Amino acid sequence: MPIVTVQQGPRTPELKRDLVRRLTDALVDAYQIPADAVQVWIHEVPADSWGQAGVLTADK
């Protein structure tokens, strides 16, 4: 059973639903497996807990 982990900043439930559906569809198509064999884990990181180019994302 494939497990996809997504690390990202906070998103709306609607965007997460769409992402889970699209990732599941892609794995079903690529691996020729049933959708119920696919798991998608979303790990949301607050903007004050990550940075890029030496700057916290919350400060951009």
PDB file of N, CA and C in Angstrom:
ATOM      1  N   MET A   1       0.840  -1.170   0.000  1.00  0.00           N
ATOM      2  CA  MET A   1       0.000   0.000   0.000  1.00  0.00           C
ATOM      3  C   MET A   1       0.889   1.238   0.000  1.00  0.00           C
ATOM      4  N   PRO A   2       0.790   2.101  -1.007  1.00  0.00           N
ATOM      5  CA  PRO A   2       1.581   3.319  -1.034  1.00  0.00           C
ATOM      6  C   PRO A   2       1.072   4.341  -0.009  1.00  0.00           C
ATOM      7  N   ILE A   3       2.024   5.015   0.607  1.00  0.00           N
ATOM      8  CA  ILE A   3       1.717   6.114   1.520  1.00  0.00           C
ATOM      9  C   ILE A   3       2.459   7.338   1.005  1.00  0.00           C
ATOM     10  N   VAL A   4       1.724   8.405   0.755  1.00  0.00           N
ATOM     11  CA  VAL A   4       2.303   9.668   0.307  1.00  0.00           C
ATOM     12  C   VAL A   4       2.249  10.631   1.479  1.00  0.00           C
ATOM     13  N   THR A   5       3.379  11.268   1.796  1.00  0.00           N
ATOM     14  CA  THR A   5       3.409  12.274   2.854  1.00  0.00           C
ATOM     15  C   THR A   5       3.673  13.629   2.223  1.00  0.00           C
ATOM     16  N   VAL A   6       2.825  14.588   2.544  1.00  0.00           N
ATOM     17  CA  VAL A   6       2.949  15.952   2.036  1.00  0.00           C
ATOM     18  C   VAL A   6       3.268  16.860   3.213  1.00  0.00           C
ATOM     19  N   GLN A   7       4.353  17.592   3.117  1.00  0.00           N
ATOM     20  CA  GLN A   7       4.676  18.596   4.131  1.00  0.00           C
ATOM     21  C   GLN A   7       4.441  19.955   3.506  1.00  0.00           C
ATOM     22  N   GLN A   8       3.659  20.781   4.206  1.00  0.00           N
ATOM     23  CA  GLN A   8       3.278  22.067   3.636  1.00  0.00           C
ATOM     24  C   GLN A   8       2.835  23.009   4.735  1.00  0.00           C
ATOM     25  N   GLY A   9       2.655  24.254   4.361  1.00  0.00           N
ATOM     26  CA  GLY A   9       2.032  25.218   5.244  1.00  0.00           C
ATOM     27  C   GLY A   9       0.529  24.976   5.260  1.00  0.00           C
ATOM     28  N   PRO A  10      -0.168  25.610   6.180  1.00  0.00           N
ATOM     29  CA  PRO A  10      -1.612  25.404   6.297  1.00  0.00           C
ATOM     30  C   PRO A  10      -2.364  25.743   5.004  1.00  0.00           C
ATOM     31  N   ARG A  11      -3.324  24.911   4.673  1.00  0.00           N
ATOM     32  CA  ARG A  11      -4.202  25.110   3.523  1.00  0.00           C
ATOM     33  C   ARG A  11      -5.637  24.855   3.965  1.00  0.00           C
ATOM     34  N   THR A  12      -6.589  25.282   3.154  1.00  0.00           N
ATOM     35  CA  THR A  12      -7.998  25.076   3.482  1.00  0.00           C
ATOM     36  C   THR A  12      -8.366  23.601   3.316  1.00  0.00           C
ATOM     37  N   PRO A  13      -9.406  23.159   4.022  1.00  0.00           N
ATOM     38  CA  PRO A  13      -9.859  21.777   3.842  1.00  0.00           C
ATOM     39  C   PRO A  13     -10.215  21.451   2.384  1.00  0.00           C
ATOM     40  N   GLU A  14     -10.771  22.420   1.674  1.00  0.00           N
ATOM     41  CA  GLU A  14     -11.141  22.192   0.270  1.00  0.00           C
ATOM     42  C   GLU A  14      -9.904  21.885  -0.575  1.00  0.00           C
ATOM     43  N   LEU A  15      -8.828  22.649  -0.374  1.00  0.00           N
ATOM     44  CA  LEU A  15      -7.602  22.400  -1.127  1.00  0.00           C
ATOM     45  C   LEU A  15      -6.996  21.049  -0.767  1.00  0.00           C
ATOM     46  N   LYS A  16      -7.062  20.693   0.512  1.00  0.00           N
ATOM     47  CA  LYS A  16      -6.517  19.393   0.936  1.00  0.00           C
ATOM     48  C   LYS A  16      -7.338  18.241   0.367  1.00  0.00           C
ATOM     49  N   ARG A  17      -8.659  18.390   0.324  1.00  0.00           N
ATOM     50  CA  ARG A  17      -9.498  17.348  -0.280  1.00  0.00           C
ATOM     51  C   ARG A  17      -9.125  17.134  -1.739  1.00  0.00           C
ATOM     52  N   ASP A  18      -8.950  18.227  -2.462  1.00  0.00           N
ATOM     53  CA  ASP A  18      -8.587  18.141  -3.882  1.00  0.00           C
ATOM     54  C   ASP A  18      -7.218  17.487  -4.050  1.00  0.00           C
ATOM     55  N   LEU A  19      -6.265  17.862  -3.223  1.00  0.00           N
ATOM     56  CA  LEU A  19      -4.927  17.278  -3.299  1.00  0.00           C
ATOM     57  C   LEU A  19      -4.971  15.774  -3.041  1.00  0.00           C
ATOM     58  N   VAL A  20      -5.680  15.355  -2.008  1.00  0.00           N
ATOM     59  CA  VAL A  20      -5.785  13.930  -1.681  1.00  0.00           C
ATOM     60  C   VAL A  20      -6.421  13.166  -2.846  1.00  0.00           C
ATOM     61  N   ARG A  21      -7.460  13.725  -3.417  1.00  0.00           N
ATOM     62  CA  ARG A  21      -8.121  13.069  -4.553  1.00  0.00           C
ATOM     63  C   ARG A  21      -7.176  12.926  -5.737  1.00  0.00           C
ATOM     64  N   ARG A  22      -6.458  14.007  -6.065  1.00  0.00           N
ATOM     65  CA  ARG A  22      -5.556  13.970  -7.218  1.00  0.00           C
ATOM     66  C   ARG A  22      -4.385  13.017  -7.007  1.00  0.00           C
ATOM     67  N   LEU A  23      -3.810  13.035  -5.811  1.00  0.00           N
ATOM     68  CA  LEU A  23      -2.701  12.119  -5.539  1.00  0.00           C
ATOM     69  C   LEU A  23      -3.175  10.667  -5.589  1.00  0.00           C
ATOM     70  N   THR A  24      -4.336  10.412  -5.026  1.00  0.00           N
ATOM     71  CA  THR A  24      -4.894   9.056  -5.063  1.00  0.00           C
ATOM     72  C   THR A  24      -5.130   8.620  -6.501  1.00  0.00           C
ATOM     73  N   ASP A  25      -5.754   9.471  -7.304  1.00  0.00           N
ATOM     74  CA  ASP A  25      -6.006   9.142  -8.706  1.00  0.00           C
ATOM     75  C   ASP A  25      -4.707   8.850  -9.458  1.00  0.00           C
ATOM     76  N   ALA A  26      -3.667   9.627  -9.187  1.00  0.00           N
ATOM     77  CA  ALA A  26      -2.388   9.430  -9.873  1.00  0.00           C
ATOM     78  C   ALA A  26      -1.780   8.073  -9.524  1.00  0.00           C
ATOM     79  N   LEU A  27      -1.838   7.687  -8.249  1.00  0.00           N
ATOM     80  CA  LEU A  27      -1.281   6.398  -7.850  1.00  0.00           C
ATOM     81  C   LEU A  27      -2.122   5.233  -8.352  1.00  0.00           C
ATOM     82  N   VAL A  28      -3.424   5.380  -8.361  1.00  0.00           N
ATOM     83  CA  VAL A  28      -4.302   4.346  -8.912  1.00  0.00           C
ATOM     84  C   VAL A  28      -3.949   4.121 -10.384  1.00  0.00           C
ATOM     85  N   ASP A  29      -3.760   5.196 -11.118  1.00  0.00           N
ATOM     86  CA  ASP A  29      -3.425   5.097 -12.539  1.00  0.00           C
ATOM     87  C   ASP A  29      -2.021   4.527 -12.747  1.00  0.00           C
ATOM     88  N   ALA A  30      -1.048   5.019 -12.019  1.00  0.00           N
ATOM     89  CA  ALA A  30       0.348   4.608 -12.217  1.00  0.00           C
ATOM     90  C   ALA A  30       0.608   3.179 -11.775  1.00  0.00           C
ATOM     91  N   TYR A  31       0.018   2.769 -10.661  1.00  0.00           N
ATOM     92  CA  TYR A  31       0.312   1.451 -10.085  1.00  0.00           C
ATOM     93  C   TYR A  31      -0.766   0.411 -10.357  1.00  0.00           C
ATOM     94  N   GLN A  32      -1.875   0.856 -10.961  1.00  0.00           N
ATOM     95  CA  GLN A  32      -2.991  -0.053 -11.239  1.00  0.00           C
ATOM     96  C   GLN A  32      -3.446  -0.781  -9.966  1.00  0.00           C
ATOM     97  N   ILE A  33      -3.728   0.040  -8.947  1.00  0.00           N
ATOM     98  CA  ILE A  33      -4.172  -0.468  -7.655  1.00  0.00           C
ATOM     99  C   ILE A  33      -5.514   0.166  -7.302  1.00  0.00           C
ATOM    100  N   PRO A  34      -6.247  -0.431  -6.362  1.00  0.00           N
ATOM    101  CA  PRO A  34      -7.509   0.198  -5.944  1.00  0.00           C
ATOM    102  C   PRO A  34      -7.242   1.436  -5.088  1.00  0.00           C
ATOM    103  N   ALA A  35      -8.165   2.381  -5.155  1.00  0.00           N
ATOM    104  CA  ALA A  35      -8.022   3.635  -4.408  1.00  0.00           C
ATOM    105  C   ALA A  35      -7.898   3.397  -2.906  1.00  0.00           C
ATOM    106  N   ASP A  36      -8.555   2.373  -2.397  1.00  0.00           N
ATOM    107  CA  ASP A  36      -8.496   2.148  -0.949  1.00  0.00           C
ATOM    108  C   ASP A  36      -7.140   1.618  -0.486  1.00  0.00           C
ATOM    109  N   ALA A  37      -6.230   1.358  -1.418  1.00  0.00           N
ATOM    110  CA  ALA A  37      -4.873   0.948  -1.052  1.00  0.00           C
ATOM    111  C   ALA A  37      -3.944   2.148  -0.861  1.00  0.00           C
ATOM    112  N   VAL A  38      -4.422   3.334  -1.190  1.00  0.00           N
ATOM    113  CA  VAL A  38      -3.592   4.549  -1.140  1.00  0.00           C
ATOM    114  C   VAL A  38      -3.891   5.341   0.123  1.00  0.00           C
ATOM    115  N   GLN A  39      -2.824   5.766   0.815  1.00  0.00           N
ATOM    116  CA  GLN A  39      -2.971   6.658   1.965  1.00  0.00           C
ATOM    117  C   GLN A  39      -2.195   7.940   1.680  1.00  0.00           C
ATOM    118  N   VAL A  40      -2.774   9.060   2.052  1.00  0.00           N
ATOM    119  CA  VAL A  40      -2.108  10.361   1.926  1.00  0.00           C
ATOM    120  C   VAL A  40      -2.111  11.003   3.304  1.00  0.00           C
ATOM    121  N   TRP A  41      -0.913  11.325   3.766  1.00  0.00           N
ATOM    122  CA  TRP A  41      -0.765  11.994   5.058  1.00  0.00           C
ATOM    123  C   TRP A  41      -0.329  13.423   4.798  1.00  0.00           C
ATOM    124  N   ILE A  42      -1.036  14.371   5.383  1.00  0.00           N
ATOM    125  CA  ILE A  42      -0.686  15.787   5.234  1.00  0.00           C
ATOM    126  C   ILE A  42      -0.154  16.284   6.570  1.00  0.00           C
ATOM    127  N   HIS A  43       1.067  16.744   6.536  1.00  0.00           N
ATOM    128  CA  HIS A  43       1.711  17.302   7.726  1.00  0.00           C
ATOM    129  C   HIS A  43       1.825  18.802   7.507  1.00  0.00           C
ATOM    130  N   GLU A  44       1.035  19.580   8.247  1.00  0.00           N
ATOM    131  CA  GLU A  44       1.056  21.032   8.097  1.00  0.00           C
ATOM    132  C   GLU A  44       2.004  21.656   9.116  1.00  0.00           C
ATOM    133  N   VAL A  45       2.831  22.534   8.617  1.00  0.00           N
ATOM    134  CA  VAL A  45       3.813  23.224   9.447  1.00  0.00           C
ATOM    135  C   VAL A  45       3.415  24.700   9.527  1.00  0.00           C
ATOM    136  N   PRO A  46       3.262  25.245  10.725  1.00  0.00           N
ATOM    137  CA  PRO A  46       2.923  26.660  10.859  1.00  0.00           C
ATOM    138  C   PRO A  46       3.993  27.550  10.222  1.00  0.00           C
ATOM    139  N   ALA A  47       3.572  28.693   9.716  1.00  0.00           N
ATOM    140  CA  ALA A  47       4.490  29.606   9.037  1.00  0.00           C
ATOM    141  C   ALA A  47       5.609  30.107   9.944  1.00  0.00           C
ATOM    142  N   ASP A  48       5.401  30.066  11.254  1.00  0.00           N
ATOM    143  CA  ASP A  48       6.467  30.514  12.158  1.00  0.00           C
ATOM    144  C   ASP A  48       7.398  29.369  12.563  1.00  0.00           C
ATOM    145  N   SER A  49       7.218  28.203  11.921  1.00  0.00           N
ATOM    146  CA  SER A  49       8.058  27.050  12.237  1.00  0.00           C
ATOM    147  C   SER A  49       8.902  26.573  11.062  1.00  0.00           C
ATOM    148  N   TRP A  50       9.011  27.388  10.021  1.00  0.00           N
ATOM    149  CA  TRP A  50       9.888  27.041   8.912  1.00  0.00           C
ATOM    150  C   TRP A  50      10.366  28.306   8.234  1.00  0.00           C
ATOM    151  N   GLY A  51      11.431  28.187   7.502  1.00  0.00           N
ATOM    152  CA  GLY A  51      11.985  29.350   6.831  1.00  0.00           C
ATOM    153  C   GLY A  51      12.591  28.987   5.491  1.00  0.00           C
ATOM    154  N   GLN A  52      12.899  30.020   4.737  1.00  0.00           N
ATOM    155  CA  GLN A  52      13.541  29.872   3.443  1.00  0.00           C
ATOM    156  C   GLN A  52      14.462  31.058   3.235  1.00  0.00           C
ATOM    157  N   ALA A  53      15.650  30.764   2.765  1.00  0.00           N
ATOM    158  CA  ALA A  53      16.642  31.811   2.492  1.00  0.00           C
ATOM    159  C   ALA A  53      16.953  32.642   3.733  1.00  0.00           C
ATOM    160  N   GLY A  54      16.946  31.983   4.903  1.00  0.00           N
ATOM    161  CA  GLY A  54      17.306  32.658   6.132  1.00  0.00           C
ATOM    162  C   GLY A  54      16.212  33.489   6.772  1.00  0.00           C
ATOM    163  N   VAL A  55      14.966  33.364   6.260  1.00  0.00           N
ATOM    164  CA  VAL A  55      13.865  34.179   6.770  1.00  0.00           C
ATOM    165  C   VAL A  55      12.699  33.262   7.108  1.00  0.00           C
ATOM    166  N   LEU A  56      12.084  33.460   8.279  1.00  0.00           N
ATOM    167  CA  LEU A  56      10.888  32.714   8.612  1.00  0.00           C
ATOM    168  C   LEU A  56       9.803  33.007   7.581  1.00  0.00           C
ATOM    169  N   THR A  57       9.066  31.995   7.219  1.00  0.00           N
ATOM    170  CA  THR A  57       7.973  32.173   6.265  1.00  0.00           C
ATOM    171  C   THR A  57       6.943  33.169   6.809  1.00  0.00           C
ATOM    172  N   ALA A  58       6.732  33.181   8.108  1.00  0.00           N
ATOM    173  CA  ALA A  58       5.787  34.115   8.728  1.00  0.00           C
ATOM    174  C   ALA A  58       6.219  35.564   8.562  1.00  0.00           C
ATOM    175  N   ASP A  59       7.506  35.800   8.356  1.00  0.00           N
ATOM    176  CA  ASP A  59       8.011  37.173   8.221  1.00  0.00           C
ATOM    177  C   ASP A  59       8.021  37.683   6.782  1.00  0.00           C
ATOM    178  N   LYS A  60       7.632  36.856   5.846  1.00  0.00           N
ATOM    179  CA  LYS A  60       7.631  37.281   4.435  1.00  0.00           C
ATOM    180  C   LYS A  60       6.394  38.059   4.114  1.00  0.00           C
TER     181      LYS A  60
END
